């Protein structure tokens, strides 16, 4: 039941309509403002709206030889100057029965804080008969500038179930940086 609620929430946010965004000047402006106003010979005013738009979601499906079907979906939940969460999921099914390719499914949700470059991601992958892999990772940049970053990165991964049973956690914390010349 929890998975259904979380999945429904993610879908609701992914397909949400644009909303009004409060600006620093205190006024509320539409997210997609018309860039140009033109007037025709009758005095009518028209807004010129850009026709190009970033693709927010992609769905792919294919049937590979010999009879393995796969479906994947990737989407941007929200994209504004400060935040960028996105998610993805996939399902793979062997249509011939229980062959050499096990049925598998999984997904991932990522969040990026654009001003600092910090990010967080969680994901899970399950293959029938082989268990589930769970991963989480994140980076926090405590010093951020145009020429470089300095931050801490952490990651965690663990395998649950399958022929080898539940494995030990694999984790690490690192301090690192990068400098752009």
Protein backbone atom coordinates (compact mmCIF):
# COMPACT_ATOMS: atom_id res chain seq x y z
CA UNK A 1 0.00 0.00 0.00
CA UNK A 2 2.87 2.40 0.82
CA UNK A 3 4.40 1.84 -2.62
CA UNK A 4 1.08 2.71 -4.27
CA UNK A 5 0.76 5.95 -2.26
CA UNK A 6 4.34 7.03 -3.03
CA UNK A 7 3.96 6.13 -6.72
CA UNK A 8 0.67 8.08 -6.93
CA UNK A 9 2.29 11.10 -5.30
CA UNK A 10 5.21 11.02 -7.76
CA UNK A 11 2.82 10.79 -10.72
CA UNK A 12 0.69 13.65 -9.40
CA UNK A 13 3.72 15.91 -9.07
CA UNK A 14 5.18 14.83 -12.44
CA UNK A 15 1.99 15.70 -14.31
CA UNK A 16 1.18 18.88 -12.40
CA UNK A 17 0.34 22.05 -14.28
CA UNK A 18 2.60 25.13 -14.14
CA UNK A 19 1.90 27.33 -11.15
CA UNK A 20 2.37 30.98 -10.22
CA UNK A 21 5.82 31.69 -8.83
CA UNK A 22 6.34 34.52 -6.29
CA UNK A 23 9.20 36.78 -7.36
CA UNK A 24 11.64 38.70 -5.11
CA UNK A 25 9.82 41.96 -5.92
CA UNK A 26 6.72 40.58 -4.14
CA UNK A 27 4.60 40.26 -7.28
CA UNK A 28 3.32 36.98 -8.63
CA UNK A 29 4.24 36.22 -12.23
CA UNK A 30 3.29 33.26 -14.36
CA UNK A 31 6.05 30.68 -14.75
CA UNK A 32 6.02 30.94 -18.55
CA UNK A 33 5.78 34.64 -19.26
CA UNK A 34 5.24 35.80 -22.80
CA UNK A 35 8.43 37.40 -24.02
CA UNK A 36 7.02 39.82 -26.60
CA UNK A 37 3.79 41.76 -27.17
CA UNK A 38 2.91 42.69 -30.75
CA UNK A 39 0.10 44.76 -32.19
CA UNK A 40 -1.61 44.09 -35.51
CA UNK A 41 -3.08 46.65 -37.92
CA UNK A 42 -6.45 46.61 -36.08
CA UNK A 43 -4.86 47.51 -32.75
CA UNK A 44 -5.24 44.00 -31.29
CA UNK A 45 -2.46 42.98 -28.88
CA UNK A 46 -0.96 39.49 -29.03
CA UNK A 47 1.61 37.72 -26.91
CA UNK A 48 4.32 35.87 -28.80
CA UNK A 49 5.05 32.67 -26.93
CA UNK A 50 8.21 30.66 -27.69
CA UNK A 51 7.43 27.41 -29.47
CA UNK A 52 10.43 25.51 -28.16
CA UNK A 53 10.02 23.72 -24.85
CA UNK A 54 12.26 21.38 -22.92
CA UNK A 55 10.98 17.83 -22.97
CA UNK A 56 10.04 16.97 -19.40
CA UNK A 57 9.43 13.26 -19.78
CA UNK A 58 10.34 10.35 -22.00
CA UNK A 59 8.83 6.89 -22.29
CA UNK A 60 10.64 4.14 -24.19
CA UNK A 61 9.56 0.61 -24.95
CA UNK A 62 11.07 -2.14 -27.03
CA UNK A 63 10.92 -5.86 -27.65
CA UNK A 64 14.37 -7.35 -28.06
CA UNK A 65 15.12 -10.63 -29.71
CA UNK A 66 14.40 -13.27 -28.41
CA UNK A 67 11.18 -11.99 -26.76
CA UNK A 68 12.37 -9.71 -23.97
CA UNK A 69 10.15 -6.65 -23.52
CA UNK A 70 11.26 -3.53 -21.69
CA UNK A 71 9.47 -0.34 -20.71
CA UNK A 72 11.13 2.70 -19.15
CA UNK A 73 9.98 6.17 -18.18
CA UNK A 74 12.05 9.18 -17.16
CA UNK A 75 10.67 12.55 -16.19
CA UNK A 76 11.55 15.89 -14.69
CA UNK A 77 9.23 16.59 -11.78
CA UNK A 78 10.09 20.28 -11.43
CA UNK A 79 12.65 22.48 -13.12
CA UNK A 80 13.20 26.01 -11.86
CA UNK A 81 16.30 28.13 -11.20
CA UNK A 82 16.89 26.56 -7.76
CA UNK A 83 15.62 22.97 -7.76
CA UNK A 84 15.64 20.04 -10.18
CA UNK A 85 14.05 16.78 -8.99
CA UNK A 86 13.59 14.01 -11.52
CA UNK A 87 12.75 10.33 -11.49
CA UNK A 88 12.95 7.23 -13.62
CA UNK A 89 11.66 3.68 -13.61
CA UNK A 90 11.86 0.55 -15.75
CA UNK A 91 10.36 -2.92 -16.15
CA UNK A 92 11.86 -5.83 -18.10
CA UNK A 93 9.86 -9.00 -18.80
CA UNK A 94 10.81 -12.22 -20.59
CA UNK A 95 7.73 -12.95 -22.71
CA UNK A 96 8.79 -16.56 -23.43
CA UNK A 97 8.36 -17.66 -19.83
CA UNK A 98 11.09 -18.09 -17.27
CA UNK A 99 14.17 -18.09 -19.49
CA UNK A 100 17.68 -16.88 -18.89
CA UNK A 101 16.62 -13.23 -18.47
CA UNK A 102 14.76 -12.78 -15.17
CA UNK A 103 11.95 -10.27 -14.80
CA UNK A 104 13.37 -7.05 -13.39
CA UNK A 105 12.09 -3.66 -12.33
CA UNK A 106 13.43 -0.64 -10.54
CA UNK A 107 13.52 3.08 -10.25
CA UNK A 108 15.40 6.10 -9.05
CA UNK A 109 14.59 9.59 -7.76
CA UNK A 110 17.22 12.35 -7.89
CA UNK A 111 17.24 15.91 -6.58
CA UNK A 112 19.73 18.66 -7.49
CA UNK A 113 20.01 22.04 -5.78
CA UNK A 114 21.19 24.14 -8.73
CA UNK A 115 22.80 27.12 -6.96
CA UNK A 116 25.21 24.93 -4.96
CA UNK A 117 25.40 21.83 -7.16
CA UNK A 118 24.45 19.66 -4.16
CA UNK A 119 22.43 16.54 -4.95
CA UNK A 120 20.69 13.54 -3.44
CA UNK A 121 19.53 10.31 -5.07
CA UNK A 122 17.87 7.06 -4.01
CA UNK A 123 17.15 4.02 -6.12
CA UNK A 124 16.19 0.36 -6.03
CA UNK A 125 16.44 -2.50 -8.55
CA UNK A 126 14.85 -5.94 -8.20
CA UNK A 127 15.40 -9.05 -10.32
CA UNK A 128 13.11 -11.99 -9.58
CA UNK A 129 15.09 -14.77 -7.98
CA UNK A 130 18.20 -12.63 -7.53
CA UNK A 131 17.16 -10.10 -4.87
CA UNK A 132 17.00 -6.34 -4.57
CA UNK A 133 19.74 -3.72 -4.71
CA UNK A 134 19.14 -0.47 -2.81
CA UNK A 135 21.36 2.59 -3.29
CA UNK A 136 21.50 6.11 -1.93
CA UNK A 137 24.02 8.84 -2.59
CA UNK A 138 24.40 12.52 -1.96
CA UNK A 139 26.80 15.43 -2.29
CA UNK A 140 26.83 18.59 -0.21
CA UNK A 141 29.00 21.43 -1.50
CA UNK A 142 29.82 23.65 1.46
CA UNK A 143 32.04 25.93 -0.66
CA UNK A 144 30.73 26.80 -4.10
CA UNK A 145 31.93 29.40 -6.59
CA UNK A 146 32.22 29.88 -10.34
CA UNK A 147 35.74 28.50 -10.34
CA UNK A 148 35.35 25.52 -8.02
CA UNK A 149 33.54 23.39 -5.45
CA UNK A 150 34.53 21.80 -2.16
CA UNK A 151 32.20 19.35 -0.51
CA UNK A 152 31.46 16.01 1.05
CA UNK A 153 29.97 13.00 -0.75
CA UNK A 154 28.35 9.95 0.79
CA UNK A 155 27.03 6.74 -0.68
CA UNK A 156 25.28 3.62 0.59
CA UNK A 157 24.37 0.38 -1.12
CA UNK A 158 23.06 -2.98 0.00
CA UNK A 159 21.81 -6.19 -1.60
CA UNK A 160 18.79 -7.90 -0.05
CA UNK A 161 17.68 -11.49 -0.72
CA UNK A 162 18.59 -13.72 -3.63
CA UNK A 163 20.74 -16.87 -3.69
CA UNK A 164 23.53 -15.30 -1.63
CA UNK A 165 21.16 -13.83 0.95
CA UNK A 166 21.31 -10.32 2.32
CA UNK A 167 24.74 -8.80 1.94
CA UNK A 168 26.65 -6.42 4.14
CA UNK A 169 26.20 -2.69 3.56
CA UNK A 170 28.66 -0.99 1.26
CA UNK A 171 29.08 2.65 2.18
CA UNK A 172 31.56 5.48 2.11
CA UNK A 173 32.01 9.16 2.88
CA UNK A 174 34.47 11.28 0.94
CA UNK A 175 35.70 14.87 1.00
CA UNK A 176 36.57 16.23 -2.39
CA UNK A 177 36.67 19.21 -4.62
CA UNK A 178 37.09 20.41 -8.15
CA UNK A 179 38.61 23.49 -9.65
CA UNK A 180 37.68 24.85 -13.08
CA UNK A 181 40.49 26.60 -14.97
